[in-house]
Structure formats: structure tokens, C-alpha cells
Amino acid sequence: MNVTDDIEEYYKAAEGLVLTAGKIIEGAINLNKNIKIKGIEWDLVTEYDRRIEDDLKRQLSNMYPQHKNFQVYW
């Protein structure tokens, strides 16, 4: 596999993950949310943010087990 193939594979994987995250957001858009502060007063996070983060980490670990320690930054 060459670099171009790798990039295409990663792009397709990222696209699928983003579409899945979008469905979570879409399903929660009109619901009440529990909002917490992550560390700084203006850095807010909801249960849906956490759900998406956990889902991204799980899916990336399953797709690319050879890659270690996925970090998701908001």
C-alpha cells in the first residue's frame, strides 16, 4: 500500500466517523443537555460531546489497533 492509498483509507474512515458523530448530534439537537465545564469557564462540554469522543476513540482503536493512544482534542 502506498501513501496515496493510506490517505484515501484514512479519509474514508474519518468521513464515516464524522457522519456517525453527526447522527448523534442530530438526535440530540432539540433535547435538554447537561453542560459541564471542562477546565476553563468558557470550555463547555455536554454528555453528547463525551459520547462522541468515546465513540471516536473506540472506533479508531477497532479500525487501527496498530496505532496506540488515540487522543481526541476539542
C-alpha atoms as a PDB file:
ATOM      1  CA  MET A   1       0.000   0.000   0.000  1.00  0.00           C
ATOM      2  CA  ASN A   2       1.396   3.416  -0.890  1.00  0.00           C
ATOM      3  CA  VAL A   3       0.964   6.782   0.801  1.00  0.00           C
ATOM      4  CA  THR A   4      -1.887   7.812  -1.526  1.00  0.00           C
ATOM      5  CA  ASP A   5      -3.779   4.628  -0.671  1.00  0.00           C
ATOM      6  CA  ASP A   6      -3.184   5.262   3.047  1.00  0.00           C
ATOM      7  CA  ILE A   7      -4.511   8.808   2.786  1.00  0.00           C
ATOM      8  CA  GLU A   8      -7.596   7.628   0.906  1.00  0.00           C
ATOM      9  CA  GLU A   9      -8.241   4.921   3.521  1.00  0.00           C
ATOM     10  CA  TYR A  10      -7.862   7.405   6.395  1.00  0.00           C
ATOM     11  CA  TYR A  11     -10.091   9.921   4.624  1.00  0.00           C
ATOM     12  CA  LYS A  12     -12.858   7.338   4.163  1.00  0.00           C
ATOM     13  CA  ALA A  13     -12.541   6.255   7.788  1.00  0.00           C
ATOM     14  CA  ALA A  14     -12.700   9.868   9.005  1.00  0.00           C
ATOM     15  CA  GLU A  15     -15.705  10.563   6.790  1.00  0.00           C
ATOM     16  CA  GLY A  16     -17.587   7.615   8.280  1.00  0.00           C
ATOM     17  CA  LEU A  17     -16.731   8.701  11.826  1.00  0.00           C
ATOM     18  CA  VAL A  18     -17.884  12.264  11.175  1.00  0.00           C
ATOM     19  CA  LEU A  19     -21.171  11.033   9.714  1.00  0.00           C
ATOM     20  CA  THR A  20     -21.741   8.882  12.801  1.00  0.00           C
ATOM     21  CA  ALA A  21     -20.968  11.828  15.092  1.00  0.00           C
ATOM     22  CA  GLY A  22     -23.371  13.960  13.086  1.00  0.00           C
ATOM     23  CA  LYS A  23     -26.157  11.469  13.719  1.00  0.00           C
ATOM     24  CA  ILE A  24     -25.531  11.678  17.461  1.00  0.00           C
ATOM     25  CA  ILE A  25     -25.657  15.482  17.330  1.00  0.00           C
ATOM     26  CA  GLU A  26     -28.719  15.462  15.108  1.00  0.00           C
ATOM     27  CA  GLY A  27     -30.557  13.160  17.506  1.00  0.00           C
ATOM     28  CA  ALA A  28     -29.741  15.396  20.467  1.00  0.00           C
ATOM     29  CA  ILE A  29     -30.190  18.830  18.902  1.00  0.00           C
ATOM     30  CA  ASN A  30     -33.589  19.524  20.469  1.00  0.00           C
ATOM     31  CA  LEU A  31     -33.027  17.664  23.747  1.00  0.00           C
ATOM     32  CA  ASN A  32     -32.072  19.139  27.101  1.00  0.00           C
ATOM     33  CA  LYS A  33     -28.372  18.832  27.758  1.00  0.00           C
ATOM     34  CA  ASN A  34     -26.270  18.514  30.867  1.00  0.00           C
ATOM     35  CA  ILE A  35     -23.498  21.046  30.429  1.00  0.00           C
ATOM     36  CA  LYS A  36     -20.260  20.880  32.400  1.00  0.00           C
ATOM     37  CA  ILE A  37     -17.132  22.984  32.419  1.00  0.00           C
ATOM     38  CA  LYS A  38     -14.042  21.093  31.221  1.00  0.00           C
ATOM     39  CA  GLY A  39     -11.471  23.240  32.935  1.00  0.00           C
ATOM     40  CA  ILE A  40     -11.799  26.818  31.848  1.00  0.00           C
ATOM     41  CA  GLU A  41     -15.006  28.750  32.425  1.00  0.00           C
ATOM     42  CA  TRP A  42     -15.814  29.037  28.708  1.00  0.00           C
ATOM     43  CA  ASP A  43     -14.788  25.442  27.819  1.00  0.00           C
ATOM     44  CA  LEU A  44     -18.154  23.664  27.955  1.00  0.00           C
ATOM     45  CA  VAL A  45     -18.886  20.001  27.292  1.00  0.00           C
ATOM     46  CA  THR A  46     -22.152  18.056  27.099  1.00  0.00           C
ATOM     47  CA  GLU A  47     -22.897  14.368  27.530  1.00  0.00           C
ATOM     48  CA  TYR A  48     -23.145  14.206  23.747  1.00  0.00           C
ATOM     49  CA  ASP A  49     -19.629  15.595  23.359  1.00  0.00           C
ATOM     50  CA  ARG A  50     -18.378  12.864  25.688  1.00  0.00           C
ATOM     51  CA  ARG A  51     -20.409  10.214  23.876  1.00  0.00           C
ATOM     52  CA  ILE A  52     -18.937  11.246  20.534  1.00  0.00           C
ATOM     53  CA  GLU A  53     -15.403  11.347  21.969  1.00  0.00           C
ATOM     54  CA  ASP A  54     -15.771   7.862  23.465  1.00  0.00           C
ATOM     55  CA  ASP A  55     -17.280   6.555  20.224  1.00  0.00           C
ATOM     56  CA  LEU A  56     -14.445   8.031  18.127  1.00  0.00           C
ATOM     57  CA  LYS A  57     -11.779   6.505  20.373  1.00  0.00           C
ATOM     58  CA  ARG A  58     -13.476   3.089  20.327  1.00  0.00           C
ATOM     59  CA  GLN A  59     -13.972   3.041  16.572  1.00  0.00           C
ATOM     60  CA  LEU A  60     -10.452   4.282  15.802  1.00  0.00           C
ATOM     61  CA  SER A  61      -8.971   1.664  18.137  1.00  0.00           C
ATOM     62  CA  ASN A  62     -11.001  -1.040  16.388  1.00  0.00           C
ATOM     63  CA  MET A  63     -10.086   0.183  12.880  1.00  0.00           C
ATOM     64  CA  TYR A  64      -6.412   0.772  13.603  1.00  0.00           C
ATOM     65  CA  PRO A  65      -5.318  -1.423  16.522  1.00  0.00           C
ATOM     66  CA  GLN A  66      -1.688  -0.912  15.498  1.00  0.00           C
ATOM     67  CA  HIS A  67      -1.980   2.786  16.410  1.00  0.00           C
ATOM     68  CA  LYS A  68      -1.755   3.416  20.135  1.00  0.00           C
ATOM     69  CA  ASN A  69      -3.088   6.069  22.479  1.00  0.00           C
ATOM     70  CA  PHE A  70      -5.616   7.924  20.383  1.00  0.00           C
ATOM     71  CA  GLN A  71      -6.130  11.453  21.638  1.00  0.00           C
ATOM     72  CA  VAL A  72      -9.228  13.432  20.750  1.00  0.00           C
ATOM     73  CA  TYR A  73      -8.871  17.176  21.201  1.00  0.00           C
ATOM     74  CA  TRP A  74     -11.821  19.527  21.198  1.00  0.00           C
END
